[in-house]
Amino acid sequence: MKVAIEVFSGSGHWGRAMANEGFFVLLWDITLGAEYDLLKRKNRSLLVGWIRAGLVVALRVGTPFTSLSRARTGLRA
């Protein structure tokens, strides 16, 4: 089984695209509940364990935008 994880999944567009390609997809985002909170060590350890065990063949980490992000404010470098 091909497993993909999308961390900070937000709208989950990447995850849906991977599912359409035959991957089993796990979306990981705090908006899904406290059990997805990466500030908790047990949650980080779980993800890292899956990756180290070779269970995950694709991973996307879509880091969250903040109010200071250039992409969010439209500022140019």
C-alpha atoms as a PDB file:
ATOM      1  CA  MET A   1       0.000   0.000   0.000  1.00  0.00           C
ATOM      2  CA  LYS A   2       1.297   3.451  -0.966  1.00  0.00           C
ATOM      3  CA  VAL A   3       0.802   5.868   1.956  1.00  0.00           C
ATOM      4  CA  ALA A   4       1.077   9.646   1.642  1.00  0.00           C
ATOM      5  CA  ILE A   5       0.816  12.174   4.468  1.00  0.00           C
ATOM      6  CA  GLU A   6      -0.042  15.833   4.054  1.00  0.00           C
ATOM      7  CA  VAL A   7       1.015  17.795   7.152  1.00  0.00           C
ATOM      8  CA  PHE A   8      -0.621  21.209   7.655  1.00  0.00           C
ATOM      9  CA  SER A   9      -3.081  19.958   5.076  1.00  0.00           C
ATOM     10  CA  GLY A  10      -5.448  22.926   5.136  1.00  0.00           C
ATOM     11  CA  SER A  11      -7.838  22.388   2.246  1.00  0.00           C
ATOM     12  CA  GLY A  12      -6.279  19.017   1.392  1.00  0.00           C
ATOM     13  CA  HIS A  13      -5.880  19.633  -2.349  1.00  0.00           C
ATOM     14  CA  TRP A  14      -2.563  17.771  -2.526  1.00  0.00           C
ATOM     15  CA  GLY A  15      -4.009  14.878  -0.547  1.00  0.00           C
ATOM     16  CA  ARG A  16      -6.971  14.566  -2.895  1.00  0.00           C
ATOM     17  CA  ALA A  17      -4.653  14.593  -5.895  1.00  0.00           C
ATOM     18  CA  MET A  18      -2.539  11.830  -4.341  1.00  0.00           C
ATOM     19  CA  ALA A  19      -5.659   9.797  -3.533  1.00  0.00           C
ATOM     20  CA  ASN A  20      -6.673  10.087  -7.186  1.00  0.00           C
ATOM     21  CA  GLU A  21      -3.277   8.543  -8.037  1.00  0.00           C
ATOM     22  CA  GLY A  22      -3.993   5.521  -5.846  1.00  0.00           C
ATOM     23  CA  PHE A  23      -2.346   6.566  -2.585  1.00  0.00           C
ATOM     24  CA  PHE A  24      -3.853   6.022   0.854  1.00  0.00           C
ATOM     25  CA  VAL A  25      -3.691   9.564   2.229  1.00  0.00           C
ATOM     26  CA  LEU A  26      -3.521  10.784   5.808  1.00  0.00           C
ATOM     27  CA  LEU A  27      -4.324  14.452   6.287  1.00  0.00           C
ATOM     28  CA  TRP A  28      -2.709  16.018   9.351  1.00  0.00           C
ATOM     29  CA  ASP A  29      -3.909  19.443  10.485  1.00  0.00           C
ATOM     30  CA  ILE A  30      -4.798  20.941  13.882  1.00  0.00           C
ATOM     31  CA  THR A  31      -8.164  21.952  12.446  1.00  0.00           C
ATOM     32  CA  LEU A  32      -9.049  18.231  12.455  1.00  0.00           C
ATOM     33  CA  GLY A  33      -8.754  18.059  16.252  1.00  0.00           C
ATOM     34  CA  ALA A  34      -6.331  18.053  19.181  1.00  0.00           C
ATOM     35  CA  GLU A  35      -5.041  14.603  18.210  1.00  0.00           C
ATOM     36  CA  TYR A  36      -3.382  16.321  15.220  1.00  0.00           C
ATOM     37  CA  ASP A  37      -1.536  18.938  17.311  1.00  0.00           C
ATOM     38  CA  LEU A  38       2.165  18.782  16.395  1.00  0.00           C
ATOM     39  CA  LEU A  39       3.063  20.719  19.526  1.00  0.00           C
ATOM     40  CA  LYS A  40       2.410  17.443  21.356  1.00  0.00           C
ATOM     41  CA  ARG A  41       5.490  15.232  21.406  1.00  0.00           C
ATOM     42  CA  LYS A  42       3.485  11.987  21.060  1.00  0.00           C
ATOM     43  CA  ASN A  43       1.957  13.221  17.787  1.00  0.00           C
ATOM     44  CA  ARG A  44       5.335  14.213  16.347  1.00  0.00           C
ATOM     45  CA  SER A  45       6.792  10.879  17.443  1.00  0.00           C
ATOM     46  CA  LEU A  46       3.956   9.021  15.750  1.00  0.00           C
ATOM     47  CA  LEU A  47       4.553  10.738  12.405  1.00  0.00           C
ATOM     48  CA  VAL A  48       8.326  10.315  12.594  1.00  0.00           C
ATOM     49  CA  GLY A  49       7.888   6.657  13.527  1.00  0.00           C
ATOM     50  CA  TRP A  50       5.731   5.973  10.475  1.00  0.00           C
ATOM     51  CA  ILE A  51       8.287   7.685   8.244  1.00  0.00           C
ATOM     52  CA  ARG A  52      11.296   5.887   9.759  1.00  0.00           C
ATOM     53  CA  ALA A  53       9.493   2.549   9.482  1.00  0.00           C
ATOM     54  CA  GLY A  54       9.169   3.097   5.737  1.00  0.00           C
ATOM     55  CA  LEU A  55       5.377   3.181   5.809  1.00  0.00           C
ATOM     56  CA  VAL A  56       5.189   6.589   4.130  1.00  0.00           C
ATOM     57  CA  VAL A  57       6.260   6.934   0.504  1.00  0.00           C
ATOM     58  CA  ALA A  58       5.179  10.556  -0.025  1.00  0.00           C
ATOM     59  CA  LEU A  59       5.121  13.476   2.390  1.00  0.00           C
ATOM     60  CA  ARG A  60       4.084  17.088   1.940  1.00  0.00           C
ATOM     61  CA  VAL A  61       4.572  19.677   4.637  1.00  0.00           C
ATOM     62  CA  GLY A  62       2.644  22.824   3.747  1.00  0.00           C
ATOM     63  CA  THR A  63       3.934  25.164   6.415  1.00  0.00           C
ATOM     64  CA  PRO A  64       1.245  27.537   7.634  1.00  0.00           C
ATOM     65  CA  PHE A  65       1.179  31.159   6.572  1.00  0.00           C
ATOM     66  CA  THR A  66       1.251  33.764   9.297  1.00  0.00           C
ATOM     67  CA  SER A  67       0.023  37.332   9.251  1.00  0.00           C
ATOM     68  CA  LEU A  68       3.645  38.381   8.621  1.00  0.00           C
ATOM     69  CA  SER A  69       4.082  36.165   5.565  1.00  0.00           C
ATOM     70  CA  ARG A  70       4.914  37.946   2.323  1.00  0.00           C
ATOM     71  CA  ALA A  71       2.640  35.583   0.437  1.00  0.00           C
ATOM     72  CA  ARG A  72      -0.289  36.544   2.638  1.00  0.00           C
ATOM     73  CA  THR A  73       0.297  40.303   2.590  1.00  0.00           C
ATOM     74  CA  GLY A  74       1.213  40.521  -1.083  1.00  0.00           C
ATOM     75  CA  LEU A  75       4.539  42.257  -0.406  1.00  0.00           C
ATOM     76  CA  ARG A  76       7.353  41.839  -2.881  1.00  0.00           C
ATOM     77  CA  ALA A  77      10.922  41.059  -1.957  1.00  0.00           C
END
